[in-house]
Amino acid sequence: MDWITITICAFITVGTFLFMEGVAWFTHKYIMHGFLWSWHRSHHKKHNHTLERNDLFALVFSIPSILLLYFSLGINPFLTAAGIGIFLYGLFYFIFHDVIVHQRIKWRPKKRSSYLNRMIKAHYIHHIVRTKDDAEAFGFLYAPKKFEKRDIKPSALEGDTH
């Protein structure tokens, strides 16, 4: 593979990764908090289960990456790069959302950047609302500055999942 193809593939991977945040925001706001609230509701309720119905989204969202990688590996480097971008977004999402925020695996970095703290706070703000409607902060890896200065009362998070 020549350097031009490698460079294009790198841009496709990064571009796909960034594009996936938009896809995740749209899906979270209009699908998870829309017609598939029946799956996502489990994520907004207190429970002691290891898995949630909401985890089905991870399976569904992995399908495009799996298909792109399966059918393009060794055949089309550009589609492979897109599949890698989707996979990397899913990996970052898992680490941030399931590990760092919800502590499904008990690990949280001791030193955190102000941006990581803002992302965590934005997600907690999202979880203050336990219903399908009136939630905010639908992004997963992007948190606007407006969430940096918002205070969250610990009582608002009582009963948060995990």
C-alpha atoms as a PDB file:
ATOM      1  CA  MET A   1       0.000   0.000   0.000  1.00  0.00           C
ATOM      2  CA  ASP A   2       1.436   3.374  -0.985  1.00  0.00           C
ATOM      3  CA  TRP A   3       1.676   6.415   1.312  1.00  0.00           C
ATOM      4  CA  ILE A   4      -1.187   8.229  -0.463  1.00  0.00           C
ATOM      5  CA  THR A   5      -3.568   5.350   0.241  1.00  0.00           C
ATOM      6  CA  ILE A   6      -2.349   5.134   3.846  1.00  0.00           C
ATOM      7  CA  THR A   7      -2.887   8.884   4.298  1.00  0.00           C
ATOM      8  CA  ILE A   8      -6.374   8.729   2.788  1.00  0.00           C
ATOM      9  CA  CYS A   9      -7.218   5.751   5.006  1.00  0.00           C
ATOM     10  CA  ALA A  10      -5.997   7.630   8.084  1.00  0.00           C
ATOM     11  CA  PHE A  11      -8.257  10.575   7.200  1.00  0.00           C
ATOM     12  CA  ILE A  12     -11.188   8.210   6.582  1.00  0.00           C
ATOM     13  CA  THR A  13     -10.628   6.505   9.954  1.00  0.00           C
ATOM     14  CA  VAL A  14     -10.459   9.804  11.861  1.00  0.00           C
ATOM     15  CA  GLY A  15     -13.338  11.290   9.862  1.00  0.00           C
ATOM     16  CA  THR A  16     -15.513   8.250  10.482  1.00  0.00           C
ATOM     17  CA  PHE A  17     -14.686   8.362  14.198  1.00  0.00           C
ATOM     18  CA  LEU A  18     -15.719  12.044  14.370  1.00  0.00           C
ATOM     19  CA  PHE A  19     -18.824  11.425  12.246  1.00  0.00           C
ATOM     20  CA  MET A  20     -19.903   8.685  14.654  1.00  0.00           C
ATOM     21  CA  GLU A  21     -20.310  11.251  17.461  1.00  0.00           C
ATOM     22  CA  GLY A  22     -22.966  12.946  15.318  1.00  0.00           C
ATOM     23  CA  VAL A  23     -24.577   9.599  14.595  1.00  0.00           C
ATOM     24  CA  ALA A  24     -24.514   8.747  18.317  1.00  0.00           C
ATOM     25  CA  TRP A  25     -26.003  12.131  19.295  1.00  0.00           C
ATOM     26  CA  PHE A  26     -28.815  11.797  16.731  1.00  0.00           C
ATOM     27  CA  THR A  27     -29.489   8.174  17.649  1.00  0.00           C
ATOM     28  CA  HIS A  28     -29.473   8.935  21.373  1.00  0.00           C
ATOM     29  CA  LYS A  29     -31.842  11.890  21.069  1.00  0.00           C
ATOM     30  CA  TYR A  30     -34.277  10.669  18.419  1.00  0.00           C
ATOM     31  CA  ILE A  31     -34.146   6.878  18.597  1.00  0.00           C
ATOM     32  CA  MET A  32     -33.137   5.964  22.159  1.00  0.00           C
ATOM     33  CA  HIS A  33     -35.274   8.752  23.605  1.00  0.00           C
ATOM     34  CA  GLY A  34     -37.791   8.160  20.819  1.00  0.00           C
ATOM     35  CA  PHE A  35     -39.342   5.001  19.442  1.00  0.00           C
ATOM     36  CA  LEU A  36     -36.790   2.660  21.107  1.00  0.00           C
ATOM     37  CA  TRP A  37     -37.208   4.119  24.589  1.00  0.00           C
ATOM     38  CA  SER A  38     -38.415   0.632  25.553  1.00  0.00           C
ATOM     39  CA  TRP A  39     -34.760  -0.494  25.256  1.00  0.00           C
ATOM     40  CA  HIS A  40     -33.099   2.659  26.592  1.00  0.00           C
ATOM     41  CA  ARG A  41     -35.382   3.075  29.628  1.00  0.00           C
ATOM     42  CA  SER A  42     -33.416   0.343  31.417  1.00  0.00           C
ATOM     43  CA  HIS A  43     -30.389   2.638  31.387  1.00  0.00           C
ATOM     44  CA  HIS A  44     -32.235   5.428  33.203  1.00  0.00           C
ATOM     45  CA  LYS A  45     -33.582   3.265  36.038  1.00  0.00           C
ATOM     46  CA  LYS A  46     -31.885   1.988  39.158  1.00  0.00           C
ATOM     47  CA  HIS A  47     -31.146  -1.723  39.022  1.00  0.00           C
ATOM     48  CA  ASN A  48     -28.705  -4.343  40.240  1.00  0.00           C
ATOM     49  CA  HIS A  49     -28.331  -6.215  36.939  1.00  0.00           C
ATOM     50  CA  THR A  50     -25.017  -6.582  35.177  1.00  0.00           C
ATOM     51  CA  LEU A  51     -26.680  -6.135  31.793  1.00  0.00           C
ATOM     52  CA  GLU A  52     -29.473  -3.842  30.653  1.00  0.00           C
ATOM     53  CA  ARG A  53     -31.856  -4.039  27.727  1.00  0.00           C
ATOM     54  CA  ASN A  54     -30.056  -0.856  26.613  1.00  0.00           C
ATOM     55  CA  ASP A  55     -26.973  -3.024  25.929  1.00  0.00           C
ATOM     56  CA  LEU A  56     -28.745  -4.310  22.824  1.00  0.00           C
ATOM     57  CA  PHE A  57     -27.799  -1.007  21.188  1.00  0.00           C
ATOM     58  CA  ALA A  58     -24.121  -1.966  21.404  1.00  0.00           C
ATOM     59  CA  LEU A  59     -24.849  -5.146  19.477  1.00  0.00           C
ATOM     60  CA  VAL A  60     -26.851  -3.306  16.825  1.00  0.00           C
ATOM     61  CA  PHE A  61     -24.275  -0.527  16.477  1.00  0.00           C
ATOM     62  CA  SER A  62     -21.430  -3.017  16.058  1.00  0.00           C
ATOM     63  CA  ILE A  63     -23.003  -4.537  12.941  1.00  0.00           C
ATOM     64  CA  PRO A  64     -21.822  -1.860  10.433  1.00  0.00           C
ATOM     65  CA  SER A  65     -18.240  -2.129  11.701  1.00  0.00           C
ATOM     66  CA  ILE A  66     -18.255  -5.918  11.625  1.00  0.00           C
ATOM     67  CA  LEU A  67     -19.714  -6.003   8.110  1.00  0.00           C
ATOM     68  CA  LEU A  68     -17.316  -3.365   6.770  1.00  0.00           C
ATOM     69  CA  LEU A  69     -14.304  -5.153   8.235  1.00  0.00           C
ATOM     70  CA  TYR A  70     -15.458  -8.638   7.227  1.00  0.00           C
ATOM     71  CA  PHE A  71     -16.225  -7.784   3.603  1.00  0.00           C
ATOM     72  CA  SER A  72     -13.466  -5.241   2.934  1.00  0.00           C
ATOM     73  CA  LEU A  73     -10.365  -6.493   4.783  1.00  0.00           C
ATOM     74  CA  GLY A  74      -7.673  -7.105   2.178  1.00  0.00           C
ATOM     75  CA  ILE A  75     -10.006  -5.972  -0.622  1.00  0.00           C
ATOM     76  CA  ASN A  76     -10.891  -2.302  -0.095  1.00  0.00           C
ATOM     77  CA  PRO A  77      -8.665  -0.320   2.274  1.00  0.00           C
ATOM     78  CA  PHE A  78     -11.036   2.660   2.314  1.00  0.00           C
ATOM     79  CA  LEU A  79     -14.003   0.634   3.573  1.00  0.00           C
ATOM     80  CA  THR A  80     -11.673  -1.100   6.039  1.00  0.00           C
ATOM     81  CA  ALA A  81     -10.634   2.351   7.321  1.00  0.00           C
ATOM     82  CA  ALA A  82     -14.302   3.286   7.818  1.00  0.00           C
ATOM     83  CA  GLY A  83     -14.886   0.027   9.709  1.00  0.00           C
ATOM     84  CA  ILE A  84     -11.884   0.769  11.925  1.00  0.00           C
ATOM     85  CA  GLY A  85     -13.213   4.295  12.613  1.00  0.00           C
ATOM     86  CA  ILE A  86     -16.579   2.879  13.738  1.00  0.00           C
ATOM     87  CA  PHE A  87     -14.829   0.252  15.869  1.00  0.00           C
ATOM     88  CA  LEU A  88     -12.596   2.845  17.534  1.00  0.00           C
ATOM     89  CA  TYR A  89     -15.597   5.044  18.323  1.00  0.00           C
ATOM     90  CA  GLY A  90     -17.317   2.060  19.923  1.00  0.00           C
ATOM     91  CA  LEU A  91     -14.191   1.295  21.954  1.00  0.00           C
ATOM     92  CA  PHE A  92     -13.899   4.903  23.183  1.00  0.00           C
ATOM     93  CA  TYR A  93     -17.617   4.932  23.953  1.00  0.00           C
ATOM     94  CA  PHE A  94     -17.296   1.738  26.018  1.00  0.00           C
ATOM     95  CA  ILE A  95     -14.303   3.056  27.970  1.00  0.00           C
ATOM     96  CA  PHE A  96     -15.891   6.440  28.641  1.00  0.00           C
ATOM     97  CA  HIS A  97     -19.536   5.507  29.165  1.00  0.00           C
ATOM     98  CA  ASP A  98     -19.494   2.038  30.652  1.00  0.00           C
ATOM     99  CA  VAL A  99     -16.160   2.084  32.493  1.00  0.00           C
ATOM    100  CA  ILE A 100     -15.375   5.673  33.506  1.00  0.00           C
ATOM    101  CA  VAL A 101     -18.885   7.095  33.984  1.00  0.00           C
ATOM    102  CA  HIS A 102     -21.044   4.146  35.044  1.00  0.00           C
ATOM    103  CA  GLN A 103     -18.249   2.096  36.613  1.00  0.00           C
ATOM    104  CA  ARG A 104     -19.336  -1.228  35.120  1.00  0.00           C
ATOM    105  CA  ILE A 105     -15.657  -2.049  35.497  1.00  0.00           C
ATOM    106  CA  LYS A 106     -14.330  -0.379  38.618  1.00  0.00           C
ATOM    107  CA  TRP A 107     -11.710   1.969  37.193  1.00  0.00           C
ATOM    108  CA  ARG A 108     -11.626   5.742  36.939  1.00  0.00           C
ATOM    109  CA  PRO A 109      -8.480   7.753  36.216  1.00  0.00           C
ATOM    110  CA  LYS A 110      -7.299   9.611  39.310  1.00  0.00           C
ATOM    111  CA  LYS A 111      -6.005  12.544  37.275  1.00  0.00           C
ATOM    112  CA  ARG A 112      -8.638  13.810  34.883  1.00  0.00           C
ATOM    113  CA  SER A 113      -8.530  16.663  32.433  1.00  0.00           C
ATOM    114  CA  SER A 114     -11.104  19.420  32.716  1.00  0.00           C
ATOM    115  CA  TYR A 115     -12.594  18.119  29.458  1.00  0.00           C
ATOM    116  CA  LEU A 116     -13.033  14.589  30.833  1.00  0.00           C
ATOM    117  CA  ASN A 117     -14.663  16.063  33.930  1.00  0.00           C
ATOM    118  CA  ARG A 118     -16.999  18.086  31.688  1.00  0.00           C
ATOM    119  CA  MET A 119     -17.928  14.970  29.701  1.00  0.00           C
ATOM    120  CA  ILE A 120     -18.714  13.091  32.904  1.00  0.00           C
ATOM    121  CA  LYS A 121     -20.756  16.013  34.243  1.00  0.00           C
ATOM    122  CA  ALA A 122     -22.717  16.313  30.978  1.00  0.00           C
ATOM    123  CA  HIS A 123     -23.579  12.633  31.170  1.00  0.00           C
ATOM    124  CA  TYR A 124     -24.718  12.980  34.777  1.00  0.00           C
ATOM    125  CA  ILE A 125     -26.850  15.972  33.753  1.00  0.00           C
ATOM    126  CA  HIS A 126     -28.418  13.743  31.116  1.00  0.00           C
ATOM    127  CA  HIS A 127     -29.258  11.158  33.778  1.00  0.00           C
ATOM    128  CA  ILE A 128     -30.987  13.632  36.072  1.00  0.00           C
ATOM    129  CA  VAL A 129     -34.035  13.208  33.823  1.00  0.00           C
ATOM    130  CA  ARG A 130     -35.408   9.685  34.204  1.00  0.00           C
ATOM    131  CA  THR A 131     -38.007   9.926  31.468  1.00  0.00           C
ATOM    132  CA  LYS A 132     -38.063   9.816  27.696  1.00  0.00           C
ATOM    133  CA  ASP A 133     -38.689  13.563  27.388  1.00  0.00           C
ATOM    134  CA  ASP A 134     -36.924  16.736  28.551  1.00  0.00           C
ATOM    135  CA  ALA A 135     -33.408  15.262  28.770  1.00  0.00           C
ATOM    136  CA  GLU A 136     -30.349  17.162  27.549  1.00  0.00           C
ATOM    137  CA  ALA A 137     -26.697  16.381  26.793  1.00  0.00           C
ATOM    138  CA  PHE A 138     -27.117  13.582  24.240  1.00  0.00           C
ATOM    139  CA  GLY A 139     -23.516  13.429  23.039  1.00  0.00           C
ATOM    140  CA  PHE A 140     -21.135  10.780  24.295  1.00  0.00           C
ATOM    141  CA  LEU A 141     -17.651  12.118  23.616  1.00  0.00           C
ATOM    142  CA  TYR A 142     -18.454  15.767  22.948  1.00  0.00           C
ATOM    143  CA  ALA A 143     -19.618  17.976  25.815  1.00  0.00           C
ATOM    144  CA  PRO A 144     -20.261  21.668  25.135  1.00  0.00           C
ATOM    145  CA  LYS A 145     -18.705  24.202  27.514  1.00  0.00           C
ATOM    146  CA  LYS A 146     -22.134  25.105  28.909  1.00  0.00           C
ATOM    147  CA  PHE A 147     -21.991  21.914  31.011  1.00  0.00           C
ATOM    148  CA  GLU A 148     -18.698  22.892  32.618  1.00  0.00           C
ATOM    149  CA  LYS A 149     -20.235  25.444  34.957  1.00  0.00           C
ATOM    150  CA  ARG A 150     -23.449  23.565  35.757  1.00  0.00           C
ATOM    151  CA  ASP A 151     -23.735  22.294  39.296  1.00  0.00           C
ATOM    152  CA  ILE A 152     -25.149  18.882  40.034  1.00  0.00           C
ATOM    153  CA  LYS A 153     -26.590  18.165  43.420  1.00  0.00           C
ATOM    154  CA  PRO A 154     -25.576  14.692  44.598  1.00  0.00           C
ATOM    155  CA  SER A 155     -29.221  14.028  45.502  1.00  0.00           C
ATOM    156  CA  ALA A 156     -30.139  14.491  41.823  1.00  0.00           C
ATOM    157  CA  LEU A 157     -28.111  11.412  40.970  1.00  0.00           C
ATOM    158  CA  GLU A 158     -29.496   9.121  43.666  1.00  0.00           C
ATOM    159  CA  GLY A 159     -30.669   5.969  42.031  1.00  0.00           C
ATOM    160  CA  ASP A 160     -28.464   6.487  39.001  1.00  0.00           C
ATOM    161  CA  THR A 161     -27.804   3.283  37.126  1.00  0.00           C
ATOM    162  CA  HIS A 162     -24.746   1.251  38.209  1.00  0.00           C
END
